[in-house]
Amino acid sequence: MTLRQLQIFTNKFNLKHFTKIVKERSKVENLLISTVGLAGEVGEVANLIKKYAREEYGSIRKKGDESRNYLAEAGEELVDAFYMLLVLAGKLDVDLEKGYWKNIKKIEKKMEKTK
C-alpha cells in the first residue's frame, strides 16, 4: 500500500468511525484536536527515547523498570504519531506522498551544492 493509499484509507476509516464527532465540531476544533493529538504522540516518543537514553547513560534505574523496553514502546508511539499525521494531512488536504518526493528532491539539490 502506498502512502497515498494509506491516507485515503485513514480518511475513510475516520469517516466511518468518527463522522458524528467530527460533524459536531467546527473545522478549527477538528484541526486543533488533530494537531494536539499529533504533538502529544510525538511527545510520548520523545519521552520514551529520553528514558532510554537516561538508562543507557547510567542514571539510576527505577525498581520494576528492569524489563521495560523503551525503544519498543517508542516504536508503538511512533506508529500512533504516524496515524495522527495521516489524520491531520487529510484534514489539511495534503498529499504526503507527493510532498515527500518533492522534499527529497529539494534535499538532493541542497546536498549536490555542498559537494
PDB file of N, CA and C in Angstrom:
ATOM      1  N   MET A   1       0.846  -1.180   0.000  1.00  0.00           N
ATOM      2  CA  MET A   1       0.000   0.000   0.000  1.00  0.00           C
ATOM      3  C   MET A   1       0.892   1.244   0.000  1.00  0.00           C
ATOM      4  N   THR A   2       0.575   2.181  -0.866  1.00  0.00           N
ATOM      5  CA  THR A   2       1.360   3.413  -0.932  1.00  0.00           C
ATOM      6  C   THR A   2       0.949   4.348   0.202  1.00  0.00           C
ATOM      7  N   LEU A   3       1.758   5.367   0.401  1.00  0.00           N
ATOM      8  CA  LEU A   3       1.434   6.369   1.415  1.00  0.00           C
ATOM      9  C   LEU A   3       0.116   7.054   1.070  1.00  0.00           C
ATOM     10  N   ARG A   4      -0.088   7.341  -0.203  1.00  0.00           N
ATOM     11  CA  ARG A   4      -1.340   7.979  -0.632  1.00  0.00           C
ATOM     12  C   ARG A   4      -2.523   7.067  -0.321  1.00  0.00           C
ATOM     13  N   GLN A   5      -2.379   5.789  -0.579  1.00  0.00           N
ATOM     14  CA  GLN A   5      -3.448   4.832  -0.279  1.00  0.00           C
ATOM     15  C   GLN A   5      -3.727   4.768   1.221  1.00  0.00           C
ATOM     16  N   LEU A   6      -2.663   4.853   2.038  1.00  0.00           N
ATOM     17  CA  LEU A   6      -2.852   4.890   3.493  1.00  0.00           C
ATOM     18  C   LEU A   6      -3.637   6.131   3.910  1.00  0.00           C
ATOM     19  N   GLN A   7      -3.335   7.259   3.278  1.00  0.00           N
ATOM     20  CA  GLN A   7      -4.078   8.486   3.592  1.00  0.00           C
ATOM     21  C   GLN A   7      -5.553   8.326   3.249  1.00  0.00           C
ATOM     22  N   ILE A   8      -5.825   7.782   2.080  1.00  0.00           N
ATOM     23  CA  ILE A   8      -7.215   7.585   1.659  1.00  0.00           C
ATOM     24  C   ILE A   8      -7.918   6.617   2.601  1.00  0.00           C
ATOM     25  N   PHE A   9      -7.246   5.520   2.938  1.00  0.00           N
ATOM     26  CA  PHE A   9      -7.823   4.549   3.872  1.00  0.00           C
ATOM     27  C   PHE A   9      -8.123   5.198   5.220  1.00  0.00           C
ATOM     28  N   THR A  10      -7.166   5.989   5.729  1.00  0.00           N
ATOM     29  CA  THR A  10      -7.340   6.636   7.033  1.00  0.00           C
ATOM     30  C   THR A  10      -8.511   7.604   7.000  1.00  0.00           C
ATOM     31  N   ASN A  11      -8.640   8.362   5.929  1.00  0.00           N
ATOM     32  CA  ASN A  11      -9.775   9.280   5.809  1.00  0.00           C
ATOM     33  C   ASN A  11     -11.102   8.523   5.823  1.00  0.00           C
ATOM     34  N   LYS A  12     -11.176   7.422   5.076  1.00  0.00           N
ATOM     35  CA  LYS A  12     -12.399   6.608   5.045  1.00  0.00           C
ATOM     36  C   LYS A  12     -12.668   5.978   6.411  1.00  0.00           C
ATOM     37  N   PHE A  13     -11.624   5.492   7.054  1.00  0.00           N
ATOM     38  CA  PHE A  13     -11.739   4.892   8.386  1.00  0.00           C
ATOM     39  C   PHE A  13     -12.328   5.903   9.369  1.00  0.00           C
ATOM     40  N   ASN A  14     -11.783   7.122   9.337  1.00  0.00           N
ATOM     41  CA  ASN A  14     -12.267   8.159  10.249  1.00  0.00           C
ATOM     42  C   ASN A  14     -13.703   8.567   9.950  1.00  0.00           C
ATOM     43  N   LEU A  15     -14.051   8.645   8.677  1.00  0.00           N
ATOM     44  CA  LEU A  15     -15.444   8.960   8.321  1.00  0.00           C
ATOM     45  C   LEU A  15     -16.390   7.878   8.840  1.00  0.00           C
ATOM     46  N   LYS A  16     -15.959   6.640   8.716  1.00  0.00           N
ATOM     47  CA  LYS A  16     -16.793   5.518   9.171  1.00  0.00           C
ATOM     48  C   LYS A  16     -16.976   5.524  10.688  1.00  0.00           C
ATOM     49  N   HIS A  17     -15.912   5.781  11.422  1.00  0.00           N
ATOM     50  CA  HIS A  17     -15.945   5.624  12.876  1.00  0.00           C
ATOM     51  C   HIS A  17     -16.144   6.925  13.656  1.00  0.00           C
ATOM     52  N   PHE A  18     -15.842   8.058  13.048  1.00  0.00           N
ATOM     53  CA  PHE A  18     -15.880   9.307  13.809  1.00  0.00           C
ATOM     54  C   PHE A  18     -16.714  10.417  13.162  1.00  0.00           C
ATOM     55  N   THR A  19     -17.558  10.072  12.202  1.00  0.00           N
ATOM     56  CA  THR A  19     -18.338  11.088  11.482  1.00  0.00           C
ATOM     57  C   THR A  19     -19.142  11.970  12.416  1.00  0.00           C
ATOM     58  N   LYS A  20     -19.861  11.378  13.346  1.00  0.00           N
ATOM     59  CA  LYS A  20     -20.715  12.155  14.251  1.00  0.00           C
ATOM     60  C   LYS A  20     -19.875  13.142  15.070  1.00  0.00           C
ATOM     61  N   ILE A  21     -18.787  12.656  15.617  1.00  0.00           N
ATOM     62  CA  ILE A  21     -17.920  13.509  16.445  1.00  0.00           C
ATOM     63  C   ILE A  21     -17.349  14.652  15.617  1.00  0.00           C
ATOM     64  N   VAL A  22     -16.860  14.327  14.419  1.00  0.00           N
ATOM     65  CA  VAL A  22     -16.249  15.344  13.556  1.00  0.00           C
ATOM     66  C   VAL A  22     -17.279  16.383  13.147  1.00  0.00           C
ATOM     67  N   LYS A  23     -18.476  15.947  12.807  1.00  0.00           N
ATOM     68  CA  LYS A  23     -19.515  16.883  12.355  1.00  0.00           C
ATOM     69  C   LYS A  23     -20.006  17.801  13.470  1.00  0.00           C
ATOM     70  N   GLU A  24     -19.882  17.371  14.715  1.00  0.00           N
ATOM     71  CA  GLU A  24     -20.320  18.188  15.855  1.00  0.00           C
ATOM     72  C   GLU A  24     -19.339  19.317  16.153  1.00  0.00           C
ATOM     73  N   ARG A  25     -18.133  19.222  15.609  1.00  0.00           N
ATOM     74  CA  ARG A  25     -17.100  20.222  15.875  1.00  0.00           C
ATOM     75  C   ARG A  25     -16.888  21.100  14.647  1.00  0.00           C
ATOM     76  N   SER A  26     -16.364  22.279  14.885  1.00  0.00           N
ATOM     77  CA  SER A  26     -16.013  23.166  13.779  1.00  0.00           C
ATOM     78  C   SER A  26     -14.717  22.675  13.134  1.00  0.00           C
ATOM     79  N   LYS A  27     -14.421  23.216  11.957  1.00  0.00           N
ATOM     80  CA  LYS A  27     -13.175  22.860  11.271  1.00  0.00           C
ATOM     81  C   LYS A  27     -11.971  23.217  12.137  1.00  0.00           C
ATOM     82  N   VAL A  28     -12.028  24.374  12.766  1.00  0.00           N
ATOM     83  CA  VAL A  28     -10.921  24.810  13.625  1.00  0.00           C
ATOM     84  C   VAL A  28     -10.736  23.836  14.788  1.00  0.00           C
ATOM     85  N   GLU A  29     -11.837  23.428  15.429  1.00  0.00           N
ATOM     86  CA  GLU A  29     -11.743  22.473  16.552  1.00  0.00           C
ATOM     87  C   GLU A  29     -11.145  21.154  16.078  1.00  0.00           C
ATOM     88  N   ASN A  30     -11.565  20.668  14.917  1.00  0.00           N
ATOM     89  CA  ASN A  30     -11.027  19.412  14.394  1.00  0.00           C
ATOM     90  C   ASN A  30      -9.537  19.526  14.088  1.00  0.00           C
ATOM     91  N   LEU A  31      -9.133  20.659  13.526  1.00  0.00           N
ATOM     92  CA  LEU A  31      -7.702  20.862  13.252  1.00  0.00           C
ATOM     93  C   LEU A  31      -6.898  20.933  14.545  1.00  0.00           C
ATOM     94  N   LEU A  32      -7.426  21.649  15.526  1.00  0.00           N
ATOM     95  CA  LEU A  32      -6.724  21.754  16.809  1.00  0.00           C
ATOM     96  C   LEU A  32      -6.585  20.391  17.488  1.00  0.00           C
ATOM     97  N   ILE A  33      -7.658  19.630  17.504  1.00  0.00           N
ATOM     98  CA  ILE A  33      -7.628  18.311  18.151  1.00  0.00           C
ATOM     99  C   ILE A  33      -6.618  17.402  17.455  1.00  0.00           C
ATOM    100  N   SER A  34      -6.618  17.419  16.124  1.00  0.00           N
ATOM    101  CA  SER A  34      -5.667  16.572  15.385  1.00  0.00           C
ATOM    102  C   SER A  34      -4.230  17.035  15.590  1.00  0.00           C
ATOM    103  N   THR A  35      -4.018  18.347  15.599  1.00  0.00           N
ATOM    104  CA  THR A  35      -2.672  18.894  15.784  1.00  0.00           C
ATOM    105  C   THR A  35      -2.138  18.578  17.179  1.00  0.00           C
ATOM    106  N   VAL A  36      -2.963  18.796  18.175  1.00  0.00           N
ATOM    107  CA  VAL A  36      -2.551  18.495  19.549  1.00  0.00           C
ATOM    108  C   VAL A  36      -2.361  16.990  19.724  1.00  0.00           C
ATOM    109  N   GLY A  37      -3.204  16.193  19.076  1.00  0.00           N
ATOM    110  CA  GLY A  37      -3.041  14.737  19.124  1.00  0.00           C
ATOM    111  C   GLY A  37      -1.704  14.306  18.556  1.00  0.00           C
ATOM    112  N   LEU A  38      -1.331  14.879  17.402  1.00  0.00           N
ATOM    113  CA  LEU A  38      -0.038  14.572  16.790  1.00  0.00           C
ATOM    114  C   LEU A  38       1.108  15.001  17.703  1.00  0.00           C
ATOM    115  N   ALA A  39       1.016  16.217  18.221  1.00  0.00           N
ATOM    116  CA  ALA A  39       2.068  16.716  19.116  1.00  0.00           C
ATOM    117  C   ALA A  39       2.192  15.834  20.356  1.00  0.00           C
ATOM    118  N   GLY A  40       1.071  15.392  20.890  1.00  0.00           N
ATOM    119  CA  GLY A  40       1.088  14.524  22.070  1.00  0.00           C
ATOM    120  C   GLY A  40       1.774  13.201  21.798  1.00  0.00           C
ATOM    121  N   GLU A  41       1.465  12.608  20.642  1.00  0.00           N
ATOM    122  CA  GLU A  41       2.086  11.324  20.299  1.00  0.00           C
ATOM    123  C   GLU A  41       3.591  11.480  20.077  1.00  0.00           C
ATOM    124  N   VAL A  42       3.996  12.545  19.396  1.00  0.00           N
ATOM    125  CA  VAL A  42       5.425  12.793  19.186  1.00  0.00           C
ATOM    126  C   VAL A  42       6.111  13.042  20.528  1.00  0.00           C
ATOM    127  N   GLY A  43       5.423  13.736  21.425  1.00  0.00           N
ATOM    128  CA  GLY A  43       5.958  13.962  22.763  1.00  0.00           C
ATOM    129  C   GLY A  43       6.169  12.663  23.523  1.00  0.00           C
ATOM    130  N   GLU A  44       5.245  11.717  23.353  1.00  0.00           N
ATOM    131  CA  GLU A  44       5.402  10.418  24.010  1.00  0.00           C
ATOM    132  C   GLU A  44       6.616   9.676  23.463  1.00  0.00           C
ATOM    133  N   VAL A  45       6.842   9.762  22.155  1.00  0.00           N
ATOM    134  CA  VAL A  45       8.038   9.147  21.561  1.00  0.00           C
ATOM    135  C   VAL A  45       9.289   9.765  22.179  1.00  0.00           C
ATOM    136  N   ALA A  46       9.321  11.093  22.222  1.00  0.00           N
ATOM    137  CA  ALA A  46      10.484  11.792  22.776  1.00  0.00           C
ATOM    138  C   ALA A  46      10.720  11.411  24.235  1.00  0.00           C
ATOM    139  N   ASN A  47       9.660  11.310  25.006  1.00  0.00           N
ATOM    140  CA  ASN A  47       9.792  10.964  26.416  1.00  0.00           C
ATOM    141  C   ASN A  47      10.372   9.555  26.593  1.00  0.00           C
ATOM    142  N   LEU A  48       9.933   8.613  25.780  1.00  0.00           N
ATOM    143  CA  LEU A  48      10.447   7.248  25.881  1.00  0.00           C
ATOM    144  C   LEU A  48      11.911   7.175  25.444  1.00  0.00           C
ATOM    145  N   ILE A  49      12.280   7.932  24.420  1.00  0.00           N
ATOM    146  CA  ILE A  49      13.681   7.976  23.987  1.00  0.00           C
ATOM    147  C   ILE A  49      14.535   8.595  25.094  1.00  0.00           C
ATOM    148  N   LYS A  50      14.004   9.623  25.746  1.00  0.00           N
ATOM    149  CA  LYS A  50      14.716  10.261  26.869  1.00  0.00           C
ATOM    150  C   LYS A  50      14.960   9.244  27.974  1.00  0.00           C
ATOM    151  N   LYS A  51      13.935   8.465  28.308  1.00  0.00           N
ATOM    152  CA  LYS A  51      14.076   7.462  29.364  1.00  0.00           C
ATOM    153  C   LYS A  51      15.095   6.401  28.975  1.00  0.00           C
ATOM    154  N   TYR A  52      15.065   6.003  27.714  1.00  0.00           N
ATOM    155  CA  TYR A  52      16.034   5.024  27.227  1.00  0.00           C
ATOM    156  C   TYR A  52      17.455   5.580  27.342  1.00  0.00           C
ATOM    157  N   ALA A  53      17.639   6.821  26.885  1.00  0.00           N
ATOM    158  CA  ALA A  53      18.962   7.449  26.926  1.00  0.00           C
ATOM    159  C   ALA A  53      19.448   7.598  28.362  1.00  0.00           C
ATOM    160  N   ARG A  54      18.549   8.007  29.247  1.00  0.00           N
ATOM    161  CA  ARG A  54      18.916   8.170  30.658  1.00  0.00           C
ATOM    162  C   ARG A  54      19.376   6.839  31.237  1.00  0.00           C
ATOM    163  N   GLU A  55      18.674   5.770  30.897  1.00  0.00           N
ATOM    164  CA  GLU A  55      19.029   4.442  31.393  1.00  0.00           C
ATOM    165  C   GLU A  55      20.356   3.978  30.791  1.00  0.00           C
ATOM    166  N   GLU A  56      20.564   4.230  29.513  1.00  0.00           N
ATOM    167  CA  GLU A  56      21.787   3.802  28.833  1.00  0.00           C
ATOM    168  C   GLU A  56      23.012   4.550  29.334  1.00  0.00           C
ATOM    169  N   TYR A  57      22.836   5.793  29.760  1.00  0.00           N
ATOM    170  CA  TYR A  57      23.970   6.598  30.200  1.00  0.00           C
ATOM    171  C   TYR A  57      24.136   6.611  31.708  1.00  0.00           C
ATOM    172  N   GLY A  58      23.572   5.608  32.375  1.00  0.00           N
ATOM    173  CA  GLY A  58      23.921   5.366  33.759  1.00  0.00           C
ATOM    174  C   GLY A  58      23.091   6.015  34.831  1.00  0.00           C
ATOM    175  N   SER A  59      21.997   6.646  34.501  1.00  0.00           N
ATOM    176  CA  SER A  59      21.138   7.172  35.557  1.00  0.00           C
ATOM    177  C   SER A  59      20.568   6.013  36.352  1.00  0.00           C
ATOM    178  N   ILE A  60      20.112   6.313  37.525  1.00  0.00           N
ATOM    179  CA  ILE A  60      19.557   5.276  38.402  1.00  0.00           C
ATOM    180  C   ILE A  60      18.287   4.706  37.787  1.00  0.00           C
ATOM    181  N   ARG A  61      18.247   3.399  37.705  1.00  0.00           N
ATOM    182  CA  ARG A  61      17.086   2.711  37.168  1.00  0.00           C
ATOM    183  C   ARG A  61      16.057   2.537  38.282  1.00  0.00           C
ATOM    184  N   LYS A  62      14.814   2.854  37.974  1.00  0.00           N
ATOM    185  CA  LYS A  62      13.746   2.696  38.963  1.00  0.00           C
ATOM    186  C   LYS A  62      13.429   1.220  39.153  1.00  0.00           C
ATOM    187  N   LYS A  63      13.041   0.862  40.362  1.00  0.00           N
ATOM    188  CA  LYS A  63      12.646  -0.519  40.627  1.00  0.00           C
ATOM    189  C   LYS A  63      11.444  -0.862  39.755  1.00  0.00           C
ATOM    190  N   GLY A  64      11.465  -2.055  39.194  1.00  0.00           N
ATOM    191  CA  GLY A  64      10.365  -2.516  38.364  1.00  0.00           C
ATOM    192  C   GLY A  64      10.522  -2.159  36.898  1.00  0.00           C
ATOM    193  N   ASP A  65      11.510  -1.327  36.559  1.00  0.00           N
ATOM    194  CA  ASP A  65      11.722  -0.927  35.169  1.00  0.00           C
ATOM    195  C   ASP A  65      12.755  -1.810  34.452  1.00  0.00           C
ATOM    196  N   GLU A  66      13.255  -2.829  35.134  1.00  0.00           N
ATOM    197  CA  GLU A  66      14.324  -3.629  34.564  1.00  0.00           C
ATOM    198  C   GLU A  66      13.950  -4.252  33.225  1.00  0.00           C
ATOM    199  N   SER A  67      12.696  -4.655  33.075  1.00  0.00           N
ATOM    200  CA  SER A  67      12.301  -5.340  31.853  1.00  0.00           C
ATOM    201  C   SER A  67      11.627  -4.406  30.844  1.00  0.00           C
ATOM    202  N   ARG A  68      11.586  -3.135  31.139  1.00  0.00           N
ATOM    203  CA  ARG A  68      10.892  -2.198  30.254  1.00  0.00           C
ATOM    204  C   ARG A  68      11.707  -1.971  28.985  1.00  0.00           C
ATOM    205  N   ASN A  69      11.063  -2.090  27.852  1.00  0.00           N
ATOM    206  CA  ASN A  69      11.727  -1.884  26.568  1.00  0.00           C
ATOM    207  C   ASN A  69      11.281  -0.541  26.002  1.00  0.00           C
ATOM    208  N   TYR A  70      12.018   0.501  26.336  1.00  0.00           N
ATOM    209  CA  TYR A  70      11.642   1.858  25.936  1.00  0.00           C
ATOM    210  C   TYR A  70      11.615   2.030  24.423  1.00  0.00           C
ATOM    211  N   LEU A  71      12.553   1.392  23.731  1.00  0.00           N
ATOM    212  CA  LEU A  71      12.597   1.561  22.278  1.00  0.00           C
ATOM    213  C   LEU A  71      11.396   0.913  21.603  1.00  0.00           C
ATOM    214  N   ALA A  72      10.978  -0.245  22.085  1.00  0.00           N
ATOM    215  CA  ALA A  72       9.780  -0.888  21.520  1.00  0.00           C
ATOM    216  C   ALA A  72       8.543  -0.033  21.787  1.00  0.00           C
ATOM    217  N   GLU A  73       8.454   0.515  22.996  1.00  0.00           N
ATOM    218  CA  GLU A  73       7.326   1.390  23.331  1.00  0.00           C
ATOM    219  C   GLU A  73       7.354   2.651  22.463  1.00  0.00           C
ATOM    220  N   ALA A  74       8.559   3.192  22.237  1.00  0.00           N
ATOM    221  CA  ALA A  74       8.685   4.374  21.389  1.00  0.00           C
ATOM    222  C   ALA A  74       8.225   4.057  19.968  1.00  0.00           C
ATOM    223  N   GLY A  75       8.537   2.864  19.506  1.00  0.00           N
ATOM    224  CA  GLY A  75       8.089   2.437  18.183  1.00  0.00           C
ATOM    225  C   GLY A  75       6.579   2.392  18.078  1.00  0.00           C
ATOM    226  N   GLU A  76       5.936   1.898  19.121  1.00  0.00           N
ATOM    227  CA  GLU A  76       4.468   1.854  19.139  1.00  0.00           C
ATOM    228  C   GLU A  76       3.885   3.265  19.116  1.00  0.00           C
ATOM    229  N   GLU A  77       4.487   4.156  19.868  1.00  0.00           N
ATOM    230  CA  GLU A  77       4.011   5.543  19.900  1.00  0.00           C
ATOM    231  C   GLU A  77       4.279   6.242  18.569  1.00  0.00           C
ATOM    232  N   LEU A  78       5.368   5.868  17.914  1.00  0.00           N
ATOM    233  CA  LEU A  78       5.672   6.434  16.609  1.00  0.00           C
ATOM    234  C   LEU A  78       4.598   6.063  15.587  1.00  0.00           C
ATOM    235  N   VAL A  79       4.100   4.841  15.677  1.00  0.00           N
ATOM    236  CA  VAL A  79       3.002   4.423  14.802  1.00  0.00           C
ATOM    237  C   VAL A  79       1.747   5.247  15.107  1.00  0.00           C
ATOM    238  N   ASP A  80       1.487   5.495  16.390  1.00  0.00           N
ATOM    239  CA  ASP A  80       0.354   6.358  16.761  1.00  0.00           C
ATOM    240  C   ASP A  80       0.535   7.758  16.176  1.00  0.00           C
ATOM    241  N   ALA A  81       1.768   8.271  16.235  1.00  0.00           N
ATOM    242  CA  ALA A  81       2.057   9.602  15.679  1.00  0.00           C
ATOM    243  C   ALA A  81       1.845   9.600  14.165  1.00  0.00           C
ATOM    244  N   PHE A  82       2.242   8.525  13.512  1.00  0.00           N
ATOM    245  CA  PHE A  82       2.052   8.399  12.069  1.00  0.00           C
ATOM    246  C   PHE A  82       0.567   8.433  11.718  1.00  0.00           C
ATOM    247  N   TYR A  83      -0.228   7.718  12.486  1.00  0.00           N
ATOM    248  CA  TYR A  83      -1.686   7.740  12.278  1.00  0.00           C
ATOM    249  C   TYR A  83      -2.219   9.164  12.415  1.00  0.00           C
ATOM    250  N   MET A  84      -1.790   9.861  13.460  1.00  0.00           N
ATOM    251  CA  MET A  84      -2.269  11.230  13.670  1.00  0.00           C
ATOM    252  C   MET A  84      -1.774  12.154  12.555  1.00  0.00           C
ATOM    253  N   LEU A  85      -0.583  11.912  12.031  1.00  0.00           N
ATOM    254  CA  LEU A  85      -0.083  12.681  10.900  1.00  0.00           C
ATOM    255  C   LEU A  85      -0.978  12.468   9.675  1.00  0.00           C
ATOM    256  N   LEU A  86      -1.357  11.216   9.429  1.00  0.00           N
ATOM    257  CA  LEU A  86      -2.257  10.916   8.321  1.00  0.00           C
ATOM    258  C   LEU A  86      -3.604  11.616   8.504  1.00  0.00           C
ATOM    259  N   VAL A  87      -4.116  11.609   9.729  1.00  0.00           N
ATOM    260  CA  VAL A  87      -5.386  12.276  10.027  1.00  0.00           C
ATOM    261  C   VAL A  87      -5.274  13.771   9.738  1.00  0.00           C
ATOM    262  N   LEU A  88      -4.238  14.394  10.269  1.00  0.00           N
ATOM    263  CA  LEU A  88      -4.068  15.833  10.087  1.00  0.00           C
ATOM    264  C   LEU A  88      -3.852  16.180   8.614  1.00  0.00           C
ATOM    265  N   ALA A  89      -3.057  15.382   7.918  1.00  0.00           N
ATOM    266  CA  ALA A  89      -2.836  15.620   6.489  1.00  0.00           C
ATOM    267  C   ALA A  89      -4.155  15.554   5.720  1.00  0.00           C
ATOM    268  N   GLY A  90      -5.011  14.619   6.112  1.00  0.00           N
ATOM    269  CA  GLY A  90      -6.326  14.519   5.475  1.00  0.00           C
ATOM    270  C   GLY A  90      -7.162  15.763   5.715  1.00  0.00           C
ATOM    271  N   LYS A  91      -7.129  16.266   6.918  1.00  0.00           N
ATOM    272  CA  LYS A  91      -7.900  17.468   7.246  1.00  0.00           C
ATOM    273  C   LYS A  91      -7.366  18.697   6.515  1.00  0.00           C
ATOM    274  N   LEU A  92      -6.058  18.711   6.237  1.00  0.00           N
ATOM    275  CA  LEU A  92      -5.438  19.835   5.540  1.00  0.00           C
ATOM    276  C   LEU A  92      -5.372  19.612   4.026  1.00  0.00           C
ATOM    277  N   ASP A  93      -5.844  18.443   3.585  1.00  0.00           N
ATOM    278  CA  ASP A  93      -5.824  18.069   2.175  1.00  0.00           C
ATOM    279  C   ASP A  93      -4.401  18.104   1.603  1.00  0.00           C
ATOM    280  N   VAL A  94      -3.482  17.523   2.353  1.00  0.00           N
ATOM    281  CA  VAL A  94      -2.079  17.447   1.950  1.00  0.00           C
ATOM    282  C   VAL A  94      -1.788  16.027   1.473  1.00  0.00           C
ATOM    283  N   ASP A  95      -1.228  15.914   0.293  1.00  0.00           N
ATOM    284  CA  ASP A  95      -0.804  14.623  -0.242  1.00  0.00           C
ATOM    285  C   ASP A  95       0.618  14.384   0.265  1.00  0.00           C
ATOM    286  N   LEU A  96       0.750  13.591   1.312  1.00  0.00           N
ATOM    287  CA  LEU A  96       2.058  13.368   1.936  1.00  0.00           C
ATOM    288  C   LEU A  96       3.039  12.678   1.005  1.00  0.00           C
ATOM    289  N   GLU A  97       2.560  11.748   0.200  1.00  0.00           N
ATOM    290  CA  GLU A  97       3.462  11.031  -0.709  1.00  0.00           C
ATOM    291  C   GLU A  97       4.066  12.002  -1.737  1.00  0.00           C
ATOM    292  N   LYS A  98       3.233  12.798  -2.345  1.00  0.00           N
ATOM    293  CA  LYS A  98       3.701  13.785  -3.323  1.00  0.00           C
ATOM    294  C   LYS A  98       4.652  14.782  -2.647  1.00  0.00           C
ATOM    295  N   GLY A  99       4.273  15.254  -1.476  1.00  0.00           N
ATOM    296  CA  GLY A  99       5.111  16.187  -0.728  1.00  0.00           C
ATOM    297  C   GLY A  99       6.432  15.573  -0.312  1.00  0.00           C
ATOM    298  N   TYR A 100       6.404  14.294   0.046  1.00  0.00           N
ATOM    299  CA  TYR A 100       7.627  13.598   0.451  1.00  0.00           C
ATOM    300  C   TYR A 100       8.644  13.598  -0.688  1.00  0.00           C
ATOM    301  N   TRP A 101       8.212  13.189  -1.872  1.00  0.00           N
ATOM    302  CA  TRP A 101       9.136  13.111  -3.006  1.00  0.00           C
ATOM    303  C   TRP A 101       9.620  14.491  -3.430  1.00  0.00           C
ATOM    304  N   LYS A 102       8.771  15.481  -3.314  1.00  0.00           N
ATOM    305  CA  LYS A 102       9.177  16.861  -3.602  1.00  0.00           C
ATOM    306  C   LYS A 102      10.273  17.288  -2.622  1.00  0.00           C
ATOM    307  N   ASN A 103      10.097  16.932  -1.353  1.00  0.00           N
ATOM    308  CA  ASN A 103      11.077  17.275  -0.322  1.00  0.00           C
ATOM    309  C   ASN A 103      12.401  16.547  -0.545  1.00  0.00           C
ATOM    310  N   ILE A 104      12.345  15.280  -0.944  1.00  0.00           N
ATOM    311  CA  ILE A 104      13.563  14.514  -1.215  1.00  0.00           C
ATOM    312  C   ILE A 104      14.362  15.178  -2.338  1.00  0.00           C
ATOM    313  N   LYS A 105      13.669  15.608  -3.388  1.00  0.00           N
ATOM    314  CA  LYS A 105      14.356  16.289  -4.497  1.00  0.00           C
ATOM    315  C   LYS A 105      15.010  17.581  -4.019  1.00  0.00           C
ATOM    316  N   LYS A 106      14.321  18.315  -3.144  1.00  0.00           N
ATOM    317  CA  LYS A 106      14.863  19.557  -2.599  1.00  0.00           C
ATOM    318  C   LYS A 106      16.126  19.272  -1.780  1.00  0.00           C
ATOM    319  N   ILE A 107      16.087  18.227  -0.963  1.00  0.00           N
ATOM    320  CA  ILE A 107      17.251  17.844  -0.147  1.00  0.00           C
ATOM    321  C   ILE A 107      18.414  17.422  -1.050  1.00  0.00           C
ATOM    322  N   GLU A 108      18.108  16.635  -2.095  1.00  0.00           N
ATOM    323  CA  GLU A 108      19.168  16.211  -3.015  1.00  0.00           C
ATOM    324  C   GLU A 108      19.854  17.414  -3.660  1.00  0.00           C
ATOM    325  N   LYS A 109      19.078  18.413  -4.062  1.00  0.00           N
ATOM    326  CA  LYS A 109      19.666  19.619  -4.662  1.00  0.00           C
ATOM    327  C   LYS A 109      20.582  20.321  -3.672  1.00  0.00           C
ATOM    328  N   LYS A 110      20.141  20.410  -2.402  1.00  0.00           N
ATOM    329  CA  LYS A 110      20.971  21.035  -1.371  1.00  0.00           C
ATOM    330  C   LYS A 110      22.268  20.251  -1.185  1.00  0.00           C
ATOM    331  N   MET A 111      22.167  18.925  -1.188  1.00  0.00           N
ATOM    332  CA  MET A 111      23.342  18.094  -0.963  1.00  0.00           C
ATOM    333  C   MET A 111      24.319  18.200  -2.134  1.00  0.00           C
ATOM    334  N   GLU A 112      23.802  18.344  -3.344  1.00  0.00           N
ATOM    335  CA  GLU A 112      24.669  18.488  -4.521  1.00  0.00           C
ATOM    336  C   GLU A 112      25.475  19.784  -4.427  1.00  0.00           C
ATOM    337  N   LYS A 113      24.887  20.827  -3.878  1.00  0.00           N
ATOM    338  CA  LYS A 113      25.572  22.116  -3.729  1.00  0.00           C
ATOM    339  C   LYS A 113      26.710  22.044  -2.717  1.00  0.00           C
ATOM    340  N   THR A 114      26.625  21.105  -1.761  1.00  0.00           N
ATOM    341  CA  THR A 114      27.656  21.016  -0.719  1.00  0.00           C
ATOM    342  C   THR A 114      28.840  20.153  -1.142  1.00  0.00           C
ATOM    343  N   LYS A 115      28.748  19.517  -2.322  1.00  0.00           N
ATOM    344  CA  LYS A 115      29.849  18.653  -2.791  1.00  0.00           C
ATOM    345  C   LYS A 115      31.016  19.461  -3.267  1.00  0.00           C
TER     346      LYS A 115
END
